[in-house]
Amino acid sequence: MPEITALGQQISRFLQGEDVAFPLDMLALETRQPFQRRVLLAEHQIPRGWVSTYGRIATSLGVPRAARAVGKRPGPQPISDPDPCHRAIQSGGGLGGFQGGRACEAGAT
C-alpha cells in the first residue's frame, strides 16, 4: 500500500509545519452529494494561511443564500477531509462549529 505510506508521510510533514497539498484522488468523492463535492473542491482551493467564509464560498458556487449548507458540507464520514476545518469560517470571523465540530479547531492550521 504505497499510497497509504505516501499519505502518512504527507500528514507527518504537514504536522511539522510544511505546506503540503493533499491529493483529492484518495477521497471517495463519488460518495458525496454533488453540492458537497463542489464545496469540498472550493475549500480545497483555499491556500494555507488564508480563510474564506461560508457565505463567500456559497456565493462563489452561485448559491449566495447557502452559507449554512456550505458549513454543514462534510456530514458524517469515517475520515476527515484533508483540508483543515477552519479555513472556512463564519462571516464575523469566528469558528462556526460545523465542519468537524469545535473540537476540530484545536489541531487545524
PDB file of N, CA and C in Angstrom:
ATOM      1  N   MET A   1       0.820  -1.179   0.000  1.00  0.00           N
ATOM      2  CA  MET A   1       0.000   0.000   0.000  1.00  0.00           C
ATOM      3  C   MET A   1       0.875   1.258   0.000  1.00  0.00           C
ATOM      4  N   PRO A   2       1.537   1.508  -1.089  1.00  0.00           N
ATOM      5  CA  PRO A   2       2.396   2.696  -1.147  1.00  0.00           C
ATOM      6  C   PRO A   2       1.623   4.002  -1.030  1.00  0.00           C
ATOM      7  N   GLU A   3       0.342   4.010  -1.442  1.00  0.00           N
ATOM      8  CA  GLU A   3      -0.455   5.234  -1.333  1.00  0.00           C
ATOM      9  C   GLU A   3      -0.659   5.627   0.122  1.00  0.00           C
ATOM     10  N   ILE A   4      -0.907   4.640   0.967  1.00  0.00           N
ATOM     11  CA  ILE A   4      -1.114   4.909   2.391  1.00  0.00           C
ATOM     12  C   ILE A   4       0.190   5.397   3.024  1.00  0.00           C
ATOM     13  N   THR A   5       1.291   4.784   2.655  1.00  0.00           N
ATOM     14  CA  THR A   5       2.592   5.214   3.172  1.00  0.00           C
ATOM     15  C   THR A   5       2.874   6.658   2.757  1.00  0.00           C
ATOM     16  N   ALA A   6       2.613   6.978   1.495  1.00  0.00           N
ATOM     17  CA  ALA A   6       2.848   8.339   0.998  1.00  0.00           C
ATOM     18  C   ALA A   6       1.953   9.341   1.733  1.00  0.00           C
ATOM     19  N   LEU A   7       0.683   8.967   1.947  1.00  0.00           N
ATOM     20  CA  LEU A   7      -0.229   9.858   2.666  1.00  0.00           C
ATOM     21  C   LEU A   7       0.249  10.073   4.096  1.00  0.00           C
ATOM     22  N   GLY A   8       0.700   9.008   4.742  1.00  0.00           N
ATOM     23  CA  GLY A   8       1.232   9.124   6.099  1.00  0.00           C
ATOM     24  C   GLY A   8       2.422  10.064   6.158  1.00  0.00           C
ATOM     25  N   GLN A   9       3.283   9.998   5.158  1.00  0.00           N
ATOM     26  CA  GLN A   9       4.436  10.890   5.106  1.00  0.00           C
ATOM     27  C   GLN A   9       3.987  12.339   4.895  1.00  0.00           C
ATOM     28  N   GLN A  10       2.981  12.545   4.056  1.00  0.00           N
ATOM     29  CA  GLN A  10       2.462  13.900   3.835  1.00  0.00           C
ATOM     30  C   GLN A  10       1.854  14.458   5.124  1.00  0.00           C
ATOM     31  N   ILE A  11       1.095  13.646   5.830  1.00  0.00           N
ATOM     32  CA  ILE A  11       0.495  14.089   7.090  1.00  0.00           C
ATOM     33  C   ILE A  11       1.586  14.456   8.087  1.00  0.00           C
ATOM     34  N   SER A  12       2.626  13.645   8.169  1.00  0.00           N
ATOM     35  CA  SER A  12       3.739  13.932   9.077  1.00  0.00           C
ATOM     36  C   SER A  12       4.407  15.262   8.725  1.00  0.00           C
ATOM     37  N   ARG A  13       4.649  15.498   7.440  1.00  0.00           N
ATOM     38  CA  ARG A  13       5.262  16.760   7.024  1.00  0.00           C
ATOM     39  C   ARG A  13       4.337  17.933   7.328  1.00  0.00           C
ATOM     40  N   PHE A  14       3.040  17.744   7.108  1.00  0.00           N
ATOM     41  CA  PHE A  14       2.058  18.786   7.396  1.00  0.00           C
ATOM     42  C   PHE A  14       2.082  19.140   8.882  1.00  0.00           C
ATOM     43  N   LEU A  15       2.120  18.127   9.737  1.00  0.00           N
ATOM     44  CA  LEU A  15       2.121  18.349  11.180  1.00  0.00           C
ATOM     45  C   LEU A  15       3.414  19.001  11.659  1.00  0.00           C
ATOM     46  N   GLN A  16       4.460  18.905  10.861  1.00  0.00           N
ATOM     47  CA  GLN A  16       5.725  19.563  11.188  1.00  0.00           C
ATOM     48  C   GLN A  16       5.764  20.990  10.637  1.00  0.00           C
ATOM     49  N   GLY A  17       4.665  21.434  10.024  1.00  0.00           N
ATOM     50  CA  GLY A  17       4.577  22.811   9.564  1.00  0.00           C
ATOM     51  C   GLY A  17       4.834  23.027   8.094  1.00  0.00           C
ATOM     52  N   GLU A  18       5.107  21.975   7.357  1.00  0.00           N
ATOM     53  CA  GLU A  18       5.356  22.115   5.921  1.00  0.00           C
ATOM     54  C   GLU A  18       4.042  22.344   5.179  1.00  0.00           C
ATOM     55  N   ASP A  19       4.101  23.134   4.139  1.00  0.00           N
ATOM     56  CA  ASP A  19       2.920  23.384   3.314  1.00  0.00           C
ATOM     57  C   ASP A  19       2.740  22.196   2.374  1.00  0.00           C
ATOM     58  N   VAL A  20       1.748  21.377   2.653  1.00  0.00           N
ATOM     59  CA  VAL A  20       1.506  20.155   1.888  1.00  0.00           C
ATOM     60  C   VAL A  20       0.173  20.278   1.168  1.00  0.00           C
ATOM     61  N   ALA A  21       0.170  19.983  -0.112  1.00  0.00           N
ATOM     62  CA  ALA A  21      -1.078  19.942  -0.888  1.00  0.00           C
ATOM     63  C   ALA A  21      -1.541  18.491  -0.929  1.00  0.00           C
ATOM     64  N   PHE A  22      -2.588  18.203  -0.184  1.00  0.00           N
ATOM     65  CA  PHE A  22      -3.098  16.835  -0.137  1.00  0.00           C
ATOM     66  C   PHE A  22      -3.851  16.506  -1.423  1.00  0.00           C
ATOM     67  N   PRO A  23      -3.631  15.321  -1.962  1.00  0.00           N
ATOM     68  CA  PRO A  23      -4.341  14.930  -3.182  1.00  0.00           C
ATOM     69  C   PRO A  23      -5.785  14.560  -2.867  1.00  0.00           C
ATOM     70  N   LEU A  24      -6.673  15.009  -3.707  1.00  0.00           N
ATOM     71  CA  LEU A  24      -8.085  14.664  -3.501  1.00  0.00           C
ATOM     72  C   LEU A  24      -8.443  13.306  -4.093  1.00  0.00           C
ATOM     73  N   ASP A  25      -7.557  12.739  -4.873  1.00  0.00           N
ATOM     74  CA  ASP A  25      -7.891  11.476  -5.525  1.00  0.00           C
ATOM     75  C   ASP A  25      -8.013  10.313  -4.544  1.00  0.00           C
ATOM     76  N   MET A  26      -7.549  10.500  -3.308  1.00  0.00           N
ATOM     77  CA  MET A  26      -7.690   9.434  -2.314  1.00  0.00           C
ATOM     78  C   MET A  26      -9.030   9.501  -1.593  1.00  0.00           C
ATOM     79  N   LEU A  27      -9.779  10.586  -1.799  1.00  0.00           N
ATOM     80  CA  LEU A  27     -11.096  10.702  -1.181  1.00  0.00           C
ATOM     81  C   LEU A  27     -12.140  10.056  -2.087  1.00  0.00           C
ATOM     82  N   ALA A  28     -13.116   9.472  -1.486  1.00  0.00           N
ATOM     83  CA  ALA A  28     -14.204   8.848  -2.246  1.00  0.00           C
ATOM     84  C   ALA A  28     -15.248   9.919  -2.558  1.00  0.00           C
ATOM     85  N   LEU A  29     -14.911  10.828  -3.464  1.00  0.00           N
ATOM     86  CA  LEU A  29     -15.814  11.933  -3.787  1.00  0.00           C
ATOM     87  C   LEU A  29     -17.153  11.448  -4.336  1.00  0.00           C
ATOM     88  N   GLU A  30     -17.136  10.277  -4.947  1.00  0.00           N
ATOM     89  CA  GLU A  30     -18.383   9.757  -5.513  1.00  0.00           C
ATOM     90  C   GLU A  30     -19.413   9.424  -4.441  1.00  0.00           C
ATOM     91  N   THR A  31     -18.992   9.325  -3.182  1.00  0.00           N
ATOM     92  CA  THR A  31     -19.936   9.048  -2.105  1.00  0.00           C
ATOM     93  C   THR A  31     -20.622  10.316  -1.611  1.00  0.00           C
ATOM     94  N   ARG A  32     -20.194  11.456  -2.081  1.00  0.00           N
ATOM     95  CA  ARG A  32     -20.749  12.748  -1.684  1.00  0.00           C
ATOM     96  C   ARG A  32     -21.816  13.207  -2.665  1.00  0.00           C
ATOM     97  N   GLN A  33     -22.741  13.985  -2.143  1.00  0.00           N
ATOM     98  CA  GLN A  33     -23.734  14.620  -2.994  1.00  0.00           C
ATOM     99  C   GLN A  33     -23.023  15.657  -3.867  1.00  0.00           C
ATOM    100  N   PRO A  34     -23.584  15.992  -5.036  1.00  0.00           N
ATOM    101  CA  PRO A  34     -22.923  16.956  -5.923  1.00  0.00           C
ATOM    102  C   PRO A  34     -22.576  18.285  -5.239  1.00  0.00           C
ATOM    103  N   PHE A  35     -23.478  18.821  -4.424  1.00  0.00           N
ATOM    104  CA  PHE A  35     -23.184  20.084  -3.747  1.00  0.00           C
ATOM    105  C   PHE A  35     -22.022  19.918  -2.775  1.00  0.00           C
ATOM    106  N   GLN A  36     -22.000  18.820  -2.042  1.00  0.00           N
ATOM    107  CA  GLN A  36     -20.912  18.567  -1.102  1.00  0.00           C
ATOM    108  C   GLN A  36     -19.573  18.502  -1.834  1.00  0.00           C
ATOM    109  N   ARG A  37     -19.559  17.856  -2.996  1.00  0.00           N
ATOM    110  CA  ARG A  37     -18.323  17.778  -3.782  1.00  0.00           C
ATOM    111  C   ARG A  37     -17.871  19.170  -4.220  1.00  0.00           C
ATOM    112  N   ARG A  38     -18.811  19.989  -4.670  1.00  0.00           N
ATOM    113  CA  ARG A  38     -18.466  21.346  -5.115  1.00  0.00           C
ATOM    114  C   ARG A  38     -17.872  22.164  -3.976  1.00  0.00           C
ATOM    115  N   VAL A  39     -18.458  22.035  -2.782  1.00  0.00           N
ATOM    116  CA  VAL A  39     -17.938  22.769  -1.619  1.00  0.00           C
ATOM    117  C   VAL A  39     -16.548  22.257  -1.260  1.00  0.00           C
ATOM    118  N   LEU A  40     -16.373  20.956  -1.229  1.00  0.00           N
ATOM    119  CA  LEU A  40     -15.071  20.382  -0.904  1.00  0.00           C
ATOM    120  C   LEU A  40     -13.999  20.892  -1.870  1.00  0.00           C
ATOM    121  N   LEU A  41     -14.308  20.893  -3.143  1.00  0.00           N
ATOM    122  CA  LEU A  41     -13.340  21.358  -4.138  1.00  0.00           C
ATOM    123  C   LEU A  41     -13.052  22.845  -3.987  1.00  0.00           C
ATOM    124  N   ALA A  42     -14.076  23.638  -3.650  1.00  0.00           N
ATOM    125  CA  ALA A  42     -13.867  25.075  -3.434  1.00  0.00           C
ATOM    126  C   ALA A  42     -12.990  25.309  -2.206  1.00  0.00           C
ATOM    127  N   GLU A  43     -13.247  24.584  -1.136  1.00  0.00           N
ATOM    128  CA  GLU A  43     -12.449  24.742   0.080  1.00  0.00           C
ATOM    129  C   GLU A  43     -11.016  24.278  -0.124  1.00  0.00           C
ATOM    130  N   HIS A  44     -10.852  23.269  -0.941  1.00  0.00           N
ATOM    131  CA  HIS A  44      -9.518  22.743  -1.214  1.00  0.00           C
ATOM    132  C   HIS A  44      -8.635  23.811  -1.878  1.00  0.00           C
ATOM    133  N   GLN A  45      -9.267  24.780  -2.527  1.00  0.00           N
ATOM    134  CA  GLN A  45      -8.534  25.842  -3.208  1.00  0.00           C
ATOM    135  C   GLN A  45      -8.073  26.961  -2.256  1.00  0.00           C
ATOM    136  N   ILE A  46      -8.546  26.940  -1.012  1.00  0.00           N
ATOM    137  CA  ILE A  46      -8.144  27.972  -0.047  1.00  0.00           C
ATOM    138  C   ILE A  46      -6.717  27.657   0.404  1.00  0.00           C
ATOM    139  N   PRO A  47      -5.775  28.542   0.133  1.00  0.00           N
ATOM    140  CA  PRO A  47      -4.373  28.264   0.487  1.00  0.00           C
ATOM    141  C   PRO A  47      -4.136  28.256   1.993  1.00  0.00           C
ATOM    142  N   ARG A  48      -3.110  27.556   2.388  1.00  0.00           N
ATOM    143  CA  ARG A  48      -2.686  27.540   3.788  1.00  0.00           C
ATOM    144  C   ARG A  48      -2.433  28.981   4.232  1.00  0.00           C
ATOM    145  N   GLY A  49      -2.927  29.331   5.409  1.00  0.00           N
ATOM    146  CA  GLY A  49      -2.745  30.676   5.940  1.00  0.00           C
ATOM    147  C   GLY A  49      -3.847  31.635   5.540  1.00  0.00           C
ATOM    148  N   TRP A  50      -4.776  31.216   4.725  1.00  0.00           N
ATOM    149  CA  TRP A  50      -5.887  32.051   4.271  1.00  0.00           C
ATOM    150  C   TRP A  50      -7.190  31.436   4.746  1.00  0.00           C
ATOM    151  N   VAL A  51      -8.214  32.262   4.837  1.00  0.00           N
ATOM    152  CA  VAL A  51      -9.540  31.778   5.181  1.00  0.00           C
ATOM    153  C   VAL A  51     -10.560  32.371   4.214  1.00  0.00           C
ATOM    154  N   SER A  52     -11.709  31.762   4.193  1.00  0.00           N
ATOM    155  CA  SER A  52     -12.854  32.296   3.475  1.00  0.00           C
ATOM    156  C   SER A  52     -14.061  32.069   4.377  1.00  0.00           C
ATOM    157  N   THR A  53     -15.162  32.683   4.043  1.00  0.00           N
ATOM    158  CA  THR A  53     -16.369  32.479   4.849  1.00  0.00           C
ATOM    159  C   THR A  53     -17.299  31.511   4.145  1.00  0.00           C
ATOM    160  N   TYR A  54     -18.191  30.936   4.925  1.00  0.00           N
ATOM    161  CA  TYR A  54     -19.187  30.042   4.348  1.00  0.00           C
ATOM    162  C   TYR A  54     -19.975  30.786   3.275  1.00  0.00           C
ATOM    163  N   GLY A  55     -20.333  32.036   3.560  1.00  0.00           N
ATOM    164  CA  GLY A  55     -21.103  32.835   2.620  1.00  0.00           C
ATOM    165  C   GLY A  55     -20.344  33.133   1.340  1.00  0.00           C
ATOM    166  N   ARG A  56     -19.061  33.446   1.469  1.00  0.00           N
ATOM    167  CA  ARG A  56     -18.249  33.735   0.284  1.00  0.00           C
ATOM    168  C   ARG A  56     -18.131  32.491  -0.593  1.00  0.00           C
ATOM    169  N   ILE A  57     -17.961  31.344   0.036  1.00  0.00           N
ATOM    170  CA  ILE A  57     -17.875  30.098  -0.728  1.00  0.00           C
ATOM    171  C   ILE A  57     -19.206  29.833  -1.421  1.00  0.00           C
ATOM    172  N   ALA A  58     -20.304  30.017  -0.688  1.00  0.00           N
ATOM    173  CA  ALA A  58     -21.630  29.812  -1.285  1.00  0.00           C
ATOM    174  C   ALA A  58     -21.824  30.722  -2.494  1.00  0.00           C
ATOM    175  N   THR A  59     -21.446  31.982  -2.351  1.00  0.00           N
ATOM    176  CA  THR A  59     -21.577  32.930  -3.460  1.00  0.00           C
ATOM    177  C   THR A  59     -20.735  32.493  -4.644  1.00  0.00           C
ATOM    178  N   SER A  60     -19.517  32.032  -4.381  1.00  0.00           N
ATOM    179  CA  SER A  60     -18.646  31.601  -5.478  1.00  0.00           C
ATOM    180  C   SER A  60     -19.215  30.391  -6.204  1.00  0.00           C
ATOM    181  N   LEU A  61     -20.050  29.623  -5.510  1.00  0.00           N
ATOM    182  CA  LEU A  61     -20.678  28.451  -6.126  1.00  0.00           C
ATOM    183  C   LEU A  61     -22.002  28.798  -6.804  1.00  0.00           C
ATOM    184  N   GLY A  62     -22.383  30.083  -6.746  1.00  0.00           N
ATOM    185  CA  GLY A  62     -23.612  30.517  -7.398  1.00  0.00           C
ATOM    186  C   GLY A  62     -24.859  30.344  -6.564  1.00  0.00           C
ATOM    187  N   VAL A  63     -24.701  30.093  -5.258  1.00  0.00           N
ATOM    188  CA  VAL A  63     -25.839  29.936  -4.351  1.00  0.00           C
ATOM    189  C   VAL A  63     -25.605  30.794  -3.103  1.00  0.00           C
ATOM    190  N   PRO A  64     -25.715  32.119  -3.258  1.00  0.00           N
ATOM    191  CA  PRO A  64     -25.324  33.033  -2.185  1.00  0.00           C
ATOM    192  C   PRO A  64     -26.089  32.870  -0.874  1.00  0.00           C
ATOM    193  N   ARG A  65     -27.226  32.241  -0.885  1.00  0.00           N
ATOM    194  CA  ARG A  65     -28.001  32.079   0.356  1.00  0.00           C
ATOM    195  C   ARG A  65     -27.766  30.716   1.009  1.00  0.00           C
ATOM    196  N   ALA A  66     -26.719  30.022   0.608  1.00  0.00           N
ATOM    197  CA  ALA A  66     -26.474  28.656   1.091  1.00  0.00           C
ATOM    198  C   ALA A  66     -25.302  28.562   2.065  1.00  0.00           C
ATOM    199  N   ALA A  67     -25.038  29.626   2.826  1.00  0.00           N
ATOM    200  CA  ALA A  67     -23.892  29.613   3.743  1.00  0.00           C
ATOM    201  C   ALA A  67     -23.991  28.465   4.751  1.00  0.00           C
ATOM    202  N   ARG A  68     -25.166  28.227   5.298  1.00  0.00           N
ATOM    203  CA  ARG A  68     -25.309  27.133   6.277  1.00  0.00           C
ATOM    204  C   ARG A  68     -25.058  25.776   5.625  1.00  0.00           C
ATOM    205  N   ALA A  69     -25.523  25.622   4.410  1.00  0.00           N
ATOM    206  CA  ALA A  69     -25.293  24.361   3.698  1.00  0.00           C
ATOM    207  C   ALA A  69     -23.800  24.155   3.449  1.00  0.00           C
ATOM    208  N   VAL A  70     -23.084  25.228   3.141  1.00  0.00           N
ATOM    209  CA  VAL A  70     -21.632  25.131   2.975  1.00  0.00           C
ATOM    210  C   VAL A  70     -20.996  24.710   4.292  1.00  0.00           C
ATOM    211  N   GLY A  71     -21.426  25.303   5.385  1.00  0.00           N
ATOM    212  CA  GLY A  71     -20.868  24.970   6.692  1.00  0.00           C
ATOM    213  C   GLY A  71     -21.117  23.544   7.114  1.00  0.00           C
ATOM    214  N   LYS A  72     -22.187  22.976   6.634  1.00  0.00           N
ATOM    215  CA  LYS A  72     -22.532  21.602   7.007  1.00  0.00           C
ATOM    216  C   LYS A  72     -22.056  20.590   5.979  1.00  0.00           C
ATOM    217  N   ARG A  73     -21.286  21.032   5.015  1.00  0.00           N
ATOM    218  CA  ARG A  73     -20.882  20.209   3.887  1.00  0.00           C
ATOM    219  C   ARG A  73     -20.386  18.814   4.207  1.00  0.00           C
ATOM    220  N   PRO A  74     -19.451  18.595   5.136  1.00  0.00           N
ATOM    221  CA  PRO A  74     -18.902  17.252   5.220  1.00  0.00           C
ATOM    222  C   PRO A  74     -19.905  16.177   5.600  1.00  0.00           C
ATOM    223  N   GLY A  75     -20.744  16.441   6.560  1.00  0.00           N
ATOM    224  CA  GLY A  75     -21.666  15.413   7.014  1.00  0.00           C
ATOM    225  C   GLY A  75     -20.899  14.273   7.665  1.00  0.00           C
ATOM    226  N   PRO A  76     -21.598  13.203   8.006  1.00  0.00           N
ATOM    227  CA  PRO A  76     -20.940  12.073   8.657  1.00  0.00           C
ATOM    228  C   PRO A  76     -19.917  11.431   7.719  1.00  0.00           C
ATOM    229  N   GLN A  77     -18.761  11.118   8.244  1.00  0.00           N
ATOM    230  CA  GLN A  77     -17.741  10.464   7.438  1.00  0.00           C
ATOM    231  C   GLN A  77     -16.760   9.757   8.355  1.00  0.00           C
ATOM    232  N   PRO A  78     -16.191   8.641   7.904  1.00  0.00           N
ATOM    233  CA  PRO A  78     -15.264   7.902   8.762  1.00  0.00           C
ATOM    234  C   PRO A  78     -13.916   8.591   8.919  1.00  0.00           C
ATOM    235  N   ILE A  79     -13.476   9.346   7.909  1.00  0.00           N
ATOM    236  CA  ILE A  79     -12.189  10.024   7.948  1.00  0.00           C
ATOM    237  C   ILE A  79     -12.415  11.458   7.505  1.00  0.00           C
ATOM    238  N   SER A  80     -11.792  12.385   8.201  1.00  0.00           N
ATOM    239  CA  SER A  80     -11.953  13.790   7.866  1.00  0.00           C
ATOM    240  C   SER A  80     -11.323  14.104   6.514  1.00  0.00           C
ATOM    241  N   ASP A  81     -11.850  15.136   5.861  1.00  0.00           N
ATOM    242  CA  ASP A  81     -11.235  15.624   4.635  1.00  0.00           C
ATOM    243  C   ASP A  81      -9.848  16.148   4.976  1.00  0.00           C
ATOM    244  N   PRO A  82      -8.938  16.165   4.014  1.00  0.00           N
ATOM    245  CA  PRO A  82      -7.561  16.526   4.333  1.00  0.00           C
ATOM    246  C   PRO A  82      -7.337  18.004   4.639  1.00  0.00           C
ATOM    247  N   ASP A  83      -8.258  18.873   4.258  1.00  0.00           N
ATOM    248  CA  ASP A  83      -8.039  20.289   4.487  1.00  0.00           C
ATOM    249  C   ASP A  83      -8.516  20.692   5.869  1.00  0.00           C
ATOM    250  N   PRO A  84      -7.759  21.536   6.555  1.00  0.00           N
ATOM    251  CA  PRO A  84      -8.151  21.955   7.896  1.00  0.00           C
ATOM    252  C   PRO A  84      -9.544  22.571   7.912  1.00  0.00           C
ATOM    253  N   CYS A  85     -10.258  22.279   8.974  1.00  0.00           N
ATOM    254  CA  CYS A  85     -11.668  22.650   9.046  1.00  0.00           C
ATOM    255  C   CYS A  85     -11.911  24.138   9.150  1.00  0.00           C
ATOM    256  N   HIS A  86     -10.986  24.907   9.671  1.00  0.00           N
ATOM    257  CA  HIS A  86     -11.336  26.308   9.823  1.00  0.00           C
ATOM    258  C   HIS A  86     -10.639  27.234   8.835  1.00  0.00           C
ATOM    259  N   ARG A  87     -10.437  26.743   7.623  1.00  0.00           N
ATOM    260  CA  ARG A  87     -10.115  27.652   6.531  1.00  0.00           C
ATOM    261  C   ARG A  87     -11.415  28.275   6.031  1.00  0.00           C
ATOM    262  N   ALA A  88     -12.524  27.687   6.414  1.00  0.00           N
ATOM    263  CA  ALA A  88     -13.843  28.262   6.137  1.00  0.00           C
ATOM    264  C   ALA A  88     -14.444  28.643   7.482  1.00  0.00           C
ATOM    265  N   ILE A  89     -14.811  29.922   7.610  1.00  0.00           N
ATOM    266  CA  ILE A  89     -15.257  30.450   8.894  1.00  0.00           C
ATOM    267  C   ILE A  89     -16.570  31.214   8.746  1.00  0.00           C
ATOM    268  N   GLN A  90     -17.126  31.652   9.872  1.00  0.00           N
ATOM    269  CA  GLN A  90     -18.324  32.485   9.866  1.00  0.00           C
ATOM    270  C   GLN A  90     -17.976  33.867   9.314  1.00  0.00           C
ATOM    271  N   SER A  91     -18.985  34.582   8.852  1.00  0.00           N
ATOM    272  CA  SER A  91     -18.759  35.911   8.280  1.00  0.00           C
ATOM    273  C   SER A  91     -18.149  36.882   9.285  1.00  0.00           C
ATOM    274  N   GLY A  92     -18.398  36.692  10.581  1.00  0.00           N
ATOM    275  CA  GLY A  92     -17.828  37.565  11.602  1.00  0.00           C
ATOM    276  C   GLY A  92     -16.411  37.185  12.009  1.00  0.00           C
ATOM    277  N   GLY A  93     -15.879  36.137  11.412  1.00  0.00           N
ATOM    278  CA  GLY A  93     -14.510  35.719  11.691  1.00  0.00           C
ATOM    279  C   GLY A  93     -14.386  34.589  12.690  1.00  0.00           C
ATOM    280  N   GLY A  94     -15.501  34.169  13.290  1.00  0.00           N
ATOM    281  CA  GLY A  94     -15.440  33.096  14.275  1.00  0.00           C
ATOM    282  C   GLY A  94     -15.546  31.722  13.640  1.00  0.00           C
ATOM    283  N   LEU A  95     -15.191  30.728  14.444  1.00  0.00           N
ATOM    284  CA  LEU A  95     -15.342  29.350  14.002  1.00  0.00           C
ATOM    285  C   LEU A  95     -16.795  28.949  14.171  1.00  0.00           C
ATOM    286  N   GLY A  96     -17.346  28.373  13.137  1.00  0.00           N
ATOM    287  CA  GLY A  96     -18.765  28.063  13.153  1.00  0.00           C
ATOM    288  C   GLY A  96     -19.144  26.806  13.900  1.00  0.00           C
ATOM    289  N   GLY A  97     -18.209  25.909  14.099  1.00  0.00           N
ATOM    290  CA  GLY A  97     -18.540  24.675  14.788  1.00  0.00           C
ATOM    291  C   GLY A  97     -19.250  23.673  13.911  1.00  0.00           C
ATOM    292  N   PHE A  98     -19.309  23.935  12.591  1.00  0.00           N
ATOM    293  CA  PHE A  98     -19.973  22.998  11.693  1.00  0.00           C
ATOM    294  C   PHE A  98     -19.024  21.881  11.272  1.00  0.00           C
ATOM    295  N   GLN A  99     -17.990  22.210  10.567  1.00  0.00           N
ATOM    296  CA  GLN A  99     -17.148  21.226   9.905  1.00  0.00           C
ATOM    297  C   GLN A  99     -16.221  20.537  10.885  1.00  0.00           C
ATOM    298  N   GLY A 100     -16.594  19.367  11.304  1.00  0.00           N
ATOM    299  CA  GLY A 100     -15.783  18.632  12.250  1.00  0.00           C
ATOM    300  C   GLY A 100     -16.073  19.004  13.689  1.00  0.00           C
ATOM    301  N   GLY A 101     -16.951  19.960  13.918  1.00  0.00           N
ATOM    302  CA  GLY A 101     -17.260  20.388  15.270  1.00  0.00           C
ATOM    303  C   GLY A 101     -16.177  21.290  15.828  1.00  0.00           C
ATOM    304  N   ARG A 102     -16.423  21.858  16.965  1.00  0.00           N
ATOM    305  CA  ARG A 102     -15.452  22.773  17.562  1.00  0.00           C
ATOM    306  C   ARG A 102     -14.184  22.059  18.007  1.00  0.00           C
ATOM    307  N   ALA A 103     -14.236  20.746  18.201  1.00  0.00           N
ATOM    308  CA  ALA A 103     -13.033  20.016  18.580  1.00  0.00           C
ATOM    309  C   ALA A 103     -11.980  20.117  17.485  1.00  0.00           C
ATOM    310  N   CYS A 104     -12.400  20.323  16.260  1.00  0.00           N
ATOM    311  CA  CYS A 104     -11.503  20.445  15.126  1.00  0.00           C
ATOM    312  C   CYS A 104     -10.577  21.637  15.269  1.00  0.00           C
ATOM    313  N   GLU A 105     -11.050  22.710  15.916  1.00  0.00           N
ATOM    314  CA  GLU A 105     -10.285  23.949  15.952  1.00  0.00           C
ATOM    315  C   GLU A 105      -8.965  23.794  16.706  1.00  0.00           C
ATOM    316  N   ALA A 106      -8.828  22.809  17.552  1.00  0.00           N
ATOM    317  CA  ALA A 106      -7.613  22.668  18.332  1.00  0.00           C
ATOM    318  C   ALA A 106      -6.407  22.229  17.509  1.00  0.00           C
ATOM    319  N   GLY A 107      -6.637  21.436  16.448  1.00  0.00           N
ATOM    320  CA  GLY A 107      -5.490  20.886  15.743  1.00  0.00           C
ATOM    321  C   GLY A 107      -5.266  21.379  14.349  1.00  0.00           C
ATOM    322  N   ALA A 108      -6.160  22.141  13.783  1.00  0.00           N
ATOM    323  CA  ALA A 108      -6.003  22.559  12.389  1.00  0.00           C
ATOM    324  C   ALA A 108      -5.202  23.839  12.272  1.00  0.00           C
ATOM    325  N   THR A 109      -4.638  24.023  11.068  1.00  0.00           N
ATOM    326  CA  THR A 109      -3.895  25.244  10.819  1.00  0.00           C
ATOM    327  C   THR A 109      -4.499  25.990   9.662  1.00  0.00           C
TER     328      THR A 109
END
